[in-house]
């Protein structure tokens, strides 16, 4: 609306203050589309079957309700599966980070009487327990670094594999629908 013309609300307010009939002002407006016409002039839309549409979509009775929402259910399952896969990857990453922190504490000769160092070392030892003794090297620190390093890599690979399988299973329904529609 141009700045030099007063707005509609201001015109109506001025008309009410001066005592003019505000109805005269509302009838003289120009209409350009159906949204601006007064409600009395809008006729309800009728269709060949004689019915009126009130804005609600009618459900096709020949289609089962489960078929109508199948796409949304498949999308919801895929979203949940994706979230679960991310959580699995995150857990595997945290486990690997704890093991790597344990390796660093052993290799760098951290103070084992410190509570934090002791807690991280104990958790890392428990997580890498199945991999202890895989290799025996000349140095005890090198042996721990190699065996626990292998454990960290295996946890990351297994976490990625499990996450991939969860995502694959979760999106199977979407891939089936896509294959049917194309």
N, C-alpha and C. Protein backbone atom coordinates (compact mmCIF):
# COMPACT_ATOMS: atom_id res chain seq x y z
N UNK A 1 0.85 -1.17 0.00
CA UNK A 1 0.00 0.00 0.00
C UNK A 1 0.89 1.23 0.00
N UNK A 2 0.63 2.21 -0.88
CA UNK A 2 1.45 3.42 -0.92
C UNK A 2 1.36 4.20 0.38
N UNK A 3 2.42 4.88 0.71
CA UNK A 3 2.49 5.61 1.97
C UNK A 3 1.56 6.82 1.99
N UNK A 4 1.30 7.45 0.81
CA UNK A 4 0.49 8.67 0.80
C UNK A 4 -0.99 8.39 1.03
N UNK A 5 -1.44 7.17 0.89
CA UNK A 5 -2.84 6.83 1.14
C UNK A 5 -2.97 6.31 2.57
N UNK A 6 -3.98 6.80 3.31
CA UNK A 6 -4.17 6.27 4.66
C UNK A 6 -4.66 4.82 4.59
N UNK A 7 -4.34 4.07 5.61
CA UNK A 7 -4.76 2.67 5.60
C UNK A 7 -6.25 2.57 5.90
N UNK A 8 -6.81 1.42 5.64
CA UNK A 8 -8.25 1.19 5.77
C UNK A 8 -8.73 1.35 7.21
N UNK A 9 -7.94 0.86 8.14
CA UNK A 9 -8.31 0.95 9.54
C UNK A 9 -8.36 2.41 9.99
N UNK A 10 -7.39 3.17 9.54
CA UNK A 10 -7.37 4.59 9.88
C UNK A 10 -8.56 5.33 9.31
N UNK A 11 -8.99 4.99 8.10
CA UNK A 11 -10.16 5.62 7.49
C UNK A 11 -11.42 5.29 8.28
N UNK A 12 -11.58 4.04 8.68
CA UNK A 12 -12.75 3.64 9.44
C UNK A 12 -12.78 4.32 10.80
N UNK A 13 -11.62 4.41 11.44
CA UNK A 13 -11.53 5.06 12.75
C UNK A 13 -11.90 6.54 12.63
N UNK A 14 -11.38 7.20 11.59
CA UNK A 14 -11.70 8.62 11.38
C UNK A 14 -13.19 8.79 11.11
N UNK A 15 -13.79 7.87 10.35
CA UNK A 15 -15.21 7.96 10.05
C UNK A 15 -16.04 7.80 11.31
N UNK A 16 -15.63 6.92 12.21
CA UNK A 16 -16.37 6.74 13.45
C UNK A 16 -16.25 7.96 14.35
N UNK A 17 -15.11 8.62 14.35
CA UNK A 17 -14.92 9.80 15.19
C UNK A 17 -15.74 10.98 14.69
N UNK A 18 -15.85 11.12 13.39
CA UNK A 18 -16.60 12.25 12.83
C UNK A 18 -18.09 11.98 12.77
N UNK A 19 -18.50 10.76 13.04
CA UNK A 19 -19.92 10.44 13.04
C UNK A 19 -20.43 9.95 11.70
N UNK A 20 -19.55 9.78 10.72
CA UNK A 20 -20.00 9.26 9.43
C UNK A 20 -20.39 7.80 9.60
N UNK A 21 -21.16 7.35 8.65
CA UNK A 21 -21.57 5.96 8.68
C UNK A 21 -20.44 5.10 8.12
N UNK A 22 -19.89 4.22 8.95
CA UNK A 22 -18.78 3.37 8.53
C UNK A 22 -19.23 2.35 7.50
N UNK A 23 -20.53 2.06 7.45
CA UNK A 23 -21.04 1.09 6.49
C UNK A 23 -20.85 1.60 5.06
N UNK A 24 -21.00 2.92 4.86
CA UNK A 24 -20.81 3.48 3.52
C UNK A 24 -19.39 3.25 3.04
N UNK A 25 -18.44 3.32 3.94
CA UNK A 25 -17.04 3.15 3.55
C UNK A 25 -16.74 1.69 3.20
N UNK A 26 -17.35 0.76 3.89
CA UNK A 26 -17.06 -0.64 3.61
C UNK A 26 -17.70 -1.10 2.32
N UNK A 27 -18.82 -0.50 1.91
CA UNK A 27 -19.48 -0.92 0.68
C UNK A 27 -18.78 -0.41 -0.56
N UNK A 28 -17.99 0.68 -0.44
CA UNK A 28 -17.38 1.28 -1.61
C UNK A 28 -16.04 0.67 -1.98
N UNK A 29 -15.57 -0.27 -1.22
CA UNK A 29 -14.25 -0.82 -1.53
C UNK A 29 -14.30 -1.68 -2.79
N UNK A 30 -13.16 -1.71 -3.47
CA UNK A 30 -13.06 -2.51 -4.68
C UNK A 30 -12.62 -3.92 -4.30
N UNK A 31 -13.21 -4.88 -4.99
CA UNK A 31 -12.82 -6.26 -4.71
C UNK A 31 -12.05 -6.81 -5.88
N UNK A 32 -10.97 -7.52 -5.56
CA UNK A 32 -10.15 -8.10 -6.62
C UNK A 32 -10.18 -9.61 -6.61
N UNK A 33 -10.46 -10.22 -5.45
CA UNK A 33 -10.56 -11.66 -5.41
C UNK A 33 -11.58 -12.08 -4.36
N UNK A 34 -11.85 -13.36 -4.27
CA UNK A 34 -12.90 -13.87 -3.40
C UNK A 34 -12.62 -13.63 -1.93
N UNK A 35 -11.37 -13.54 -1.53
CA UNK A 35 -11.07 -13.35 -0.11
C UNK A 35 -11.48 -11.98 0.37
N UNK A 36 -11.56 -10.98 -0.53
CA UNK A 36 -11.89 -9.63 -0.11
C UNK A 36 -13.38 -9.33 -0.19
N UNK A 37 -14.17 -10.18 -0.78
CA UNK A 37 -15.59 -9.91 -0.89
C UNK A 37 -16.27 -10.13 0.46
N UNK A 38 -17.30 -9.36 0.75
CA UNK A 38 -18.02 -9.55 2.01
C UNK A 38 -18.64 -10.94 2.04
N UNK A 39 -18.81 -11.52 3.21
CA UNK A 39 -19.32 -12.88 3.32
C UNK A 39 -20.70 -13.07 2.72
N UNK A 40 -21.53 -12.03 2.69
CA UNK A 40 -22.88 -12.18 2.14
C UNK A 40 -22.85 -12.44 0.64
N UNK A 41 -21.79 -11.97 -0.06
CA UNK A 41 -21.72 -12.14 -1.50
C UNK A 41 -21.12 -13.48 -1.91
N UNK A 42 -20.50 -14.20 -1.00
CA UNK A 42 -19.86 -15.45 -1.34
C UNK A 42 -20.90 -16.55 -1.34
N UNK A 43 -21.05 -17.20 -2.46
CA UNK A 43 -21.99 -18.31 -2.55
C UNK A 43 -21.25 -19.60 -2.27
N UNK A 44 -21.90 -20.53 -1.59
CA UNK A 44 -21.23 -21.81 -1.34
C UNK A 44 -20.99 -22.54 -2.65
N UNK A 45 -19.86 -23.18 -2.75
CA UNK A 45 -19.49 -23.88 -3.96
C UNK A 45 -20.22 -25.22 -4.00
N UNK A 46 -20.91 -25.46 -5.09
CA UNK A 46 -21.62 -26.73 -5.23
C UNK A 46 -20.96 -27.54 -6.33
N UNK A 47 -21.14 -28.84 -6.27
CA UNK A 47 -20.52 -29.76 -7.21
C UNK A 47 -21.60 -30.55 -7.93
N UNK A 48 -21.24 -31.21 -9.03
CA UNK A 48 -22.25 -31.93 -9.83
C UNK A 48 -23.07 -32.94 -9.04
N UNK A 49 -22.47 -33.52 -8.00
CA UNK A 49 -23.23 -34.49 -7.23
C UNK A 49 -24.19 -33.82 -6.24
N UNK A 50 -24.22 -32.49 -6.24
CA UNK A 50 -25.16 -31.76 -5.40
C UNK A 50 -24.63 -31.47 -4.01
N UNK A 51 -23.50 -32.03 -3.65
CA UNK A 51 -22.94 -31.84 -2.32
C UNK A 51 -22.10 -30.59 -2.24
N UNK A 52 -21.86 -30.20 -1.04
CA UNK A 52 -21.00 -29.04 -0.79
C UNK A 52 -19.72 -29.52 -0.13
N UNK A 53 -18.63 -28.90 -0.46
CA UNK A 53 -17.36 -29.24 0.17
C UNK A 53 -17.11 -28.23 1.27
N UNK A 54 -16.84 -28.71 2.44
CA UNK A 54 -16.65 -27.83 3.59
C UNK A 54 -15.19 -27.72 4.00
N UNK A 55 -14.29 -28.11 3.13
CA UNK A 55 -12.87 -27.97 3.43
C UNK A 55 -12.22 -29.22 3.97
N UNK A 56 -12.97 -30.22 4.35
CA UNK A 56 -12.38 -31.45 4.85
C UNK A 56 -12.22 -32.43 3.71
N UNK A 57 -11.08 -33.09 3.69
CA UNK A 57 -10.87 -34.11 2.68
C UNK A 57 -11.60 -35.37 3.09
N UNK A 58 -12.30 -35.91 2.17
CA UNK A 58 -13.03 -37.13 2.47
C UNK A 58 -12.17 -38.32 2.13
N UNK A 59 -12.20 -39.30 2.99
CA UNK A 59 -11.41 -40.50 2.81
C UNK A 59 -12.10 -41.40 1.80
N UNK A 60 -11.32 -41.96 0.91
CA UNK A 60 -11.85 -42.89 -0.07
C UNK A 60 -12.21 -44.18 0.65
N UNK A 61 -13.47 -44.59 0.66
CA UNK A 61 -13.85 -45.78 1.42
C UNK A 61 -13.32 -47.07 0.84
N UNK A 62 -12.85 -47.04 -0.41
CA UNK A 62 -12.34 -48.26 -1.01
C UNK A 62 -10.91 -48.55 -0.61
N UNK A 63 -10.23 -47.57 -0.02
CA UNK A 63 -8.83 -47.75 0.39
C UNK A 63 -8.81 -47.97 1.90
N UNK A 64 -8.13 -48.99 2.31
CA UNK A 64 -8.03 -49.28 3.74
C UNK A 64 -7.22 -48.19 4.43
N UNK A 65 -7.56 -47.93 5.67
CA UNK A 65 -6.86 -46.89 6.42
C UNK A 65 -5.38 -47.20 6.57
N UNK A 66 -5.03 -48.47 6.70
CA UNK A 66 -3.62 -48.84 6.85
C UNK A 66 -2.84 -48.53 5.59
N UNK A 67 -3.48 -48.61 4.43
CA UNK A 67 -2.79 -48.29 3.18
C UNK A 67 -2.57 -46.80 3.05
N UNK A 68 -3.49 -45.99 3.57
CA UNK A 68 -3.33 -44.55 3.47
C UNK A 68 -2.19 -44.06 4.34
N UNK A 69 -2.00 -44.65 5.49
CA UNK A 69 -0.96 -44.18 6.40
C UNK A 69 0.31 -45.02 6.32
N UNK A 70 0.37 -45.93 5.37
CA UNK A 70 1.53 -46.81 5.27
C UNK A 70 2.81 -46.01 5.01
N UNK A 71 2.72 -44.99 4.17
CA UNK A 71 3.89 -44.17 3.88
C UNK A 71 4.38 -43.41 5.10
N UNK A 72 3.45 -42.89 5.90
CA UNK A 72 3.86 -42.16 7.09
C UNK A 72 4.41 -43.10 8.14
N UNK A 73 3.86 -44.29 8.24
CA UNK A 73 4.40 -45.26 9.20
C UNK A 73 5.80 -45.68 8.79
N UNK A 74 6.00 -45.92 7.51
CA UNK A 74 7.32 -46.32 7.03
C UNK A 74 8.32 -45.20 7.26
N UNK A 75 7.90 -43.96 7.06
CA UNK A 75 8.80 -42.84 7.30
C UNK A 75 9.12 -42.70 8.78
N UNK A 76 8.14 -42.94 9.65
CA UNK A 76 8.38 -42.86 11.08
C UNK A 76 9.33 -43.96 11.54
N UNK A 77 9.15 -45.17 11.01
CA UNK A 77 10.04 -46.27 11.35
C UNK A 77 11.46 -45.96 10.87
N UNK A 78 11.57 -45.39 9.68
CA UNK A 78 12.89 -45.03 9.16
C UNK A 78 13.56 -43.97 10.02
N UNK A 79 12.78 -43.01 10.52
CA UNK A 79 13.34 -41.98 11.39
C UNK A 79 13.82 -42.57 12.71
N UNK A 80 13.02 -43.46 13.29
CA UNK A 80 13.43 -44.10 14.54
C UNK A 80 14.67 -44.96 14.32
N UNK A 81 14.70 -45.70 13.21
CA UNK A 81 15.86 -46.54 12.91
C UNK A 81 17.11 -45.69 12.71
N UNK A 82 16.96 -44.56 12.05
CA UNK A 82 18.10 -43.67 11.84
C UNK A 82 18.62 -43.13 13.17
N UNK A 83 17.71 -42.76 14.05
CA UNK A 83 18.11 -42.27 15.37
C UNK A 83 18.81 -43.37 16.17
N UNK A 84 18.26 -44.57 16.11
CA UNK A 84 18.88 -45.69 16.82
C UNK A 84 20.27 -46.00 16.25
N UNK A 85 20.40 -45.94 14.93
CA UNK A 85 21.71 -46.18 14.30
C UNK A 85 22.72 -45.12 14.74
N UNK A 86 22.28 -43.89 14.85
CA UNK A 86 23.19 -42.83 15.32
C UNK A 86 23.62 -43.07 16.76
N UNK A 87 22.68 -43.54 17.59
CA UNK A 87 23.03 -43.83 18.98
C UNK A 87 24.03 -44.97 19.08
N UNK A 88 23.88 -45.99 18.23
CA UNK A 88 24.83 -47.11 18.23
C UNK A 88 26.21 -46.61 17.82
N UNK A 89 26.26 -45.78 16.77
CA UNK A 89 27.56 -45.22 16.35
C UNK A 89 28.17 -44.37 17.45
N UNK A 90 27.35 -43.60 18.13
CA UNK A 90 27.84 -42.77 19.22
C UNK A 90 28.40 -43.62 20.36
N UNK A 91 27.69 -44.68 20.72
CA UNK A 91 28.16 -45.56 21.80
C UNK A 91 29.48 -46.22 21.42
N UNK A 92 29.60 -46.68 20.18
CA UNK A 92 30.85 -47.29 19.73
C UNK A 92 31.99 -46.27 19.75
N UNK A 93 31.69 -45.06 19.37
CA UNK A 93 32.70 -44.00 19.40
C UNK A 93 33.15 -43.67 20.81
N UNK A 94 32.21 -43.66 21.75
CA UNK A 94 32.56 -43.39 23.14
C UNK A 94 33.41 -44.52 23.71
N UNK A 95 33.05 -45.76 23.41
CA UNK A 95 33.84 -46.91 23.87
C UNK A 95 35.26 -46.82 23.31
N UNK A 96 35.39 -46.54 22.02
CA UNK A 96 36.72 -46.42 21.40
C UNK A 96 37.50 -45.27 22.01
N UNK A 97 36.84 -44.16 22.32
CA UNK A 97 37.53 -43.02 22.92
C UNK A 97 38.04 -43.36 24.32
N UNK A 98 37.25 -44.11 25.06
CA UNK A 98 37.70 -44.51 26.41
C UNK A 98 38.93 -45.42 26.30
N UNK A 99 38.91 -46.35 25.34
CA UNK A 99 40.05 -47.25 25.17
C UNK A 99 41.30 -46.47 24.75
N UNK A 100 41.13 -45.52 23.84
CA UNK A 100 42.27 -44.70 23.39
C UNK A 100 42.79 -43.86 24.55
N UNK A 101 41.89 -43.33 25.38
CA UNK A 101 42.34 -42.57 26.55
C UNK A 101 43.13 -43.47 27.50
N UNK A 102 42.67 -44.72 27.66
CA UNK A 102 43.41 -45.68 28.49
C UNK A 102 44.79 -45.96 27.92
N UNK A 103 44.89 -46.11 26.60
CA UNK A 103 46.20 -46.32 25.96
C UNK A 103 47.12 -45.15 26.24
N UNK A 104 46.61 -43.94 26.08
CA UNK A 104 47.44 -42.76 26.31
C UNK A 104 47.90 -42.67 27.77
N UNK A 105 47.01 -43.00 28.69
CA UNK A 105 47.40 -42.95 30.11
C UNK A 105 48.50 -43.97 30.43
N UNK A 106 48.44 -45.14 29.79
CA UNK A 106 49.47 -46.17 30.05
C UNK A 106 50.78 -45.77 29.37
N UNK A 107 50.71 -45.38 28.11
CA UNK A 107 51.93 -45.05 27.36
C UNK A 107 52.62 -43.82 27.94
N UNK A 108 51.86 -42.84 28.38
CA UNK A 108 52.44 -41.62 28.92
C UNK A 108 52.76 -41.73 30.42
N UNK A 109 52.58 -42.90 31.00
CA UNK A 109 52.89 -43.18 32.41
C UNK A 109 52.18 -42.22 33.35
N UNK A 110 50.87 -42.14 33.23
CA UNK A 110 50.09 -41.28 34.12
C UNK A 110 50.10 -41.88 35.53
N UNK A 111 49.87 -41.04 36.52
CA UNK A 111 49.90 -41.45 37.92
C UNK A 111 48.73 -42.41 38.20
N UNK A 112 49.01 -43.69 38.50
CA UNK A 112 47.92 -44.65 38.71
C UNK A 112 47.17 -44.47 40.02
N UNK A 113 47.70 -43.64 40.93
CA UNK A 113 46.98 -43.41 42.19
C UNK A 113 45.93 -42.31 42.06
N UNK A 114 45.97 -41.58 40.97
CA UNK A 114 44.96 -40.56 40.72
C UNK A 114 43.63 -41.24 40.44
N UNK A 115 42.56 -40.73 41.04
CA UNK A 115 41.24 -41.36 40.91
C UNK A 115 40.74 -41.36 39.46
N UNK A 116 40.92 -40.27 38.75
CA UNK A 116 40.44 -40.18 37.37
C UNK A 116 41.22 -41.13 36.48
N UNK A 117 42.54 -41.10 36.62
CA UNK A 117 43.39 -41.99 35.82
C UNK A 117 43.04 -43.45 36.12
N UNK A 118 42.86 -43.77 37.38
CA UNK A 118 42.53 -45.14 37.77
C UNK A 118 41.17 -45.57 37.20
N UNK A 119 40.17 -44.68 37.24
CA UNK A 119 38.84 -45.02 36.73
C UNK A 119 38.86 -45.25 35.21
N UNK A 120 39.53 -44.37 34.48
CA UNK A 120 39.61 -44.52 33.02
C UNK A 120 40.37 -45.79 32.67
N UNK A 121 41.47 -46.06 33.37
CA UNK A 121 42.27 -47.25 33.10
C UNK A 121 41.48 -48.53 33.38
N UNK A 122 40.72 -48.53 34.45
CA UNK A 122 39.92 -49.72 34.79
C UNK A 122 38.82 -49.98 33.75
N UNK A 123 38.15 -48.93 33.34
CA UNK A 123 37.09 -49.08 32.33
C UNK A 123 37.68 -49.52 31.00
N UNK A 124 38.80 -48.92 30.61
CA UNK A 124 39.46 -49.29 29.35
C UNK A 124 39.93 -50.75 29.40
N UNK A 125 40.46 -51.16 30.54
CA UNK A 125 40.92 -52.55 30.67
C UNK A 125 39.74 -53.52 30.55
N UNK A 126 38.60 -53.16 31.15
CA UNK A 126 37.42 -54.03 31.07
C UNK A 126 36.88 -54.11 29.64
N UNK A 127 36.89 -52.98 28.93
CA UNK A 127 36.39 -52.97 27.55
C UNK A 127 37.33 -53.71 26.60
N UNK A 128 38.62 -53.62 26.83
CA UNK A 128 39.60 -54.26 25.95
C UNK A 128 40.01 -55.63 26.45
N UNK A 129 39.36 -56.12 27.48
CA UNK A 129 39.72 -57.40 28.08
C UNK A 129 39.82 -58.57 27.11
N UNK A 130 38.86 -58.75 26.21
CA UNK A 130 38.95 -59.89 25.28
C UNK A 130 40.15 -59.82 24.34
N UNK A 131 40.75 -58.65 24.21
CA UNK A 131 41.86 -58.49 23.28
C UNK A 131 43.22 -58.54 23.97
N UNK A 132 43.23 -58.67 25.29
CA UNK A 132 44.51 -58.77 26.02
C UNK A 132 45.21 -60.07 25.63
N UNK A 133 46.48 -59.97 25.41
CA UNK A 133 47.28 -61.15 25.09
C UNK A 133 47.24 -61.56 23.63
N UNK A 134 46.63 -60.77 22.76
CA UNK A 134 46.65 -61.12 21.33
C UNK A 134 48.08 -61.09 20.81
N UNK A 135 48.78 -60.03 21.16
CA UNK A 135 50.19 -59.89 20.76
C UNK A 135 51.03 -59.65 22.00
N UNK A 136 52.24 -60.16 21.97
CA UNK A 136 53.18 -59.92 23.06
C UNK A 136 54.43 -59.29 22.45
N UNK A 137 54.71 -58.09 22.88
CA UNK A 137 55.87 -57.35 22.38
C UNK A 137 56.90 -57.22 23.51
N UNK A 138 58.04 -56.64 23.19
CA UNK A 138 59.11 -56.49 24.18
C UNK A 138 58.71 -55.57 25.33
N UNK A 139 57.97 -54.53 25.02
CA UNK A 139 57.58 -53.56 26.04
C UNK A 139 56.13 -53.81 26.47
N UNK A 140 55.87 -53.67 27.77
CA UNK A 140 54.50 -53.85 28.27
C UNK A 140 53.58 -52.73 27.77
N UNK A 141 54.13 -51.52 27.69
CA UNK A 141 53.34 -50.39 27.18
C UNK A 141 52.98 -50.61 25.71
N UNK A 142 53.93 -51.09 24.91
CA UNK A 142 53.66 -51.34 23.50
C UNK A 142 52.64 -52.46 23.33
N UNK A 143 52.71 -53.46 24.17
CA UNK A 143 51.75 -54.58 24.11
C UNK A 143 50.33 -54.07 24.39
N UNK A 144 50.20 -53.25 25.43
CA UNK A 144 48.88 -52.69 25.76
C UNK A 144 48.40 -51.78 24.64
N UNK A 145 49.29 -50.96 24.10
CA UNK A 145 48.91 -50.04 23.03
C UNK A 145 48.41 -50.79 21.80
N UNK A 146 49.09 -51.85 21.40
CA UNK A 146 48.69 -52.61 20.22
C UNK A 146 47.38 -53.36 20.47
N UNK A 147 47.31 -54.10 21.57
CA UNK A 147 46.12 -54.91 21.84
C UNK A 147 44.88 -54.04 22.08
N UNK A 148 45.03 -52.98 22.87
CA UNK A 148 43.90 -52.11 23.12
C UNK A 148 43.55 -51.29 21.87
N UNK A 149 44.54 -50.94 21.07
CA UNK A 149 44.27 -50.23 19.81
C UNK A 149 43.44 -51.08 18.86
N UNK A 150 43.78 -52.37 18.80
CA UNK A 150 42.97 -53.29 17.98
C UNK A 150 41.54 -53.35 18.51
N UNK A 151 41.41 -53.37 19.82
CA UNK A 151 40.08 -53.39 20.43
C UNK A 151 39.26 -52.15 20.04
N UNK A 152 39.90 -50.98 20.07
CA UNK A 152 39.21 -49.75 19.70
C UNK A 152 38.75 -49.79 18.25
N UNK A 153 39.62 -50.27 17.36
CA UNK A 153 39.26 -50.35 15.93
C UNK A 153 38.12 -51.35 15.73
N UNK A 154 38.18 -52.49 16.41
CA UNK A 154 37.12 -53.50 16.28
C UNK A 154 35.79 -52.95 16.78
N UNK A 155 35.80 -52.22 17.91
CA UNK A 155 34.56 -51.61 18.41
C UNK A 155 33.98 -50.62 17.40
N UNK A 156 34.84 -49.83 16.78
CA UNK A 156 34.35 -48.86 15.79
C UNK A 156 33.76 -49.57 14.56
N UNK A 157 34.44 -50.62 14.10
CA UNK A 157 33.94 -51.34 12.92
C UNK A 157 32.62 -52.04 13.25
N UNK A 158 32.56 -52.72 14.39
CA UNK A 158 31.32 -53.40 14.77
C UNK A 158 30.18 -52.41 14.99
N UNK A 159 30.47 -51.28 15.61
CA UNK A 159 29.45 -50.25 15.81
C UNK A 159 28.91 -49.73 14.49
N UNK A 160 29.81 -49.48 13.53
CA UNK A 160 29.38 -49.00 12.22
C UNK A 160 28.56 -50.06 11.48
N UNK A 161 28.96 -51.32 11.60
CA UNK A 161 28.23 -52.41 10.95
C UNK A 161 26.83 -52.58 11.53
N UNK A 162 26.73 -52.57 12.86
CA UNK A 162 25.41 -52.70 13.51
C UNK A 162 24.53 -51.50 13.16
N UNK A 163 25.10 -50.30 13.17
CA UNK A 163 24.32 -49.11 12.82
C UNK A 163 23.84 -49.18 11.38
N UNK A 164 24.68 -49.66 10.48
CA UNK A 164 24.28 -49.80 9.07
C UNK A 164 23.13 -50.80 8.93
N UNK A 165 23.21 -51.92 9.65
CA UNK A 165 22.14 -52.92 9.59
C UNK A 165 20.82 -52.36 10.15
N UNK A 166 20.90 -51.62 11.24
CA UNK A 166 19.68 -51.03 11.80
C UNK A 166 19.06 -50.05 10.81
N UNK A 167 19.88 -49.21 10.20
CA UNK A 167 19.36 -48.26 9.21
C UNK A 167 18.80 -48.98 7.99
N UNK A 168 19.44 -50.05 7.57
CA UNK A 168 18.98 -50.82 6.42
C UNK A 168 17.62 -51.46 6.70
N UNK A 169 17.48 -52.05 7.87
CA UNK A 169 16.21 -52.67 8.23
C UNK A 169 15.12 -51.62 8.39
N UNK A 170 15.46 -50.48 8.96
CA UNK A 170 14.48 -49.41 9.18
C UNK A 170 13.98 -48.78 7.91
N UNK A 171 14.80 -48.74 6.86
CA UNK A 171 14.37 -48.12 5.61
C UNK A 171 13.91 -49.13 4.58
N UNK A 172 13.82 -50.40 4.94
CA UNK A 172 13.41 -51.42 3.97
C UNK A 172 12.01 -51.15 3.43
N UNK A 173 11.10 -50.72 4.30
CA UNK A 173 9.72 -50.46 3.87
C UNK A 173 9.66 -49.29 2.90
N UNK A 174 10.46 -48.25 3.14
CA UNK A 174 10.49 -47.11 2.22
C UNK A 174 11.05 -47.52 0.86
N UNK A 175 12.09 -48.36 0.87
CA UNK A 175 12.66 -48.81 -0.39
C UNK A 175 11.67 -49.67 -1.15
N UNK A 176 10.86 -50.48 -0.46
CA UNK A 176 9.84 -51.28 -1.13
C UNK A 176 8.80 -50.38 -1.77
N UNK A 177 8.36 -49.35 -1.06
CA UNK A 177 7.35 -48.44 -1.62
C UNK A 177 7.91 -47.69 -2.82
N UNK A 178 9.17 -47.29 -2.75
CA UNK A 178 9.79 -46.57 -3.85
C UNK A 178 9.90 -47.48 -5.09
N UNK A 179 10.23 -48.75 -4.87
CA UNK A 179 10.35 -49.69 -5.98
C UNK A 179 8.99 -49.97 -6.62
N UNK A 180 7.93 -49.98 -5.83
CA UNK A 180 6.59 -50.25 -6.36
C UNK A 180 6.08 -49.05 -7.14
N UNK A 181 6.34 -47.84 -6.68
CA UNK A 181 5.83 -46.65 -7.33
C UNK A 181 6.60 -46.28 -8.60
N UNK A 182 7.82 -46.75 -8.75
CA UNK A 182 8.58 -46.39 -9.96
C UNK A 182 8.45 -47.41 -11.03
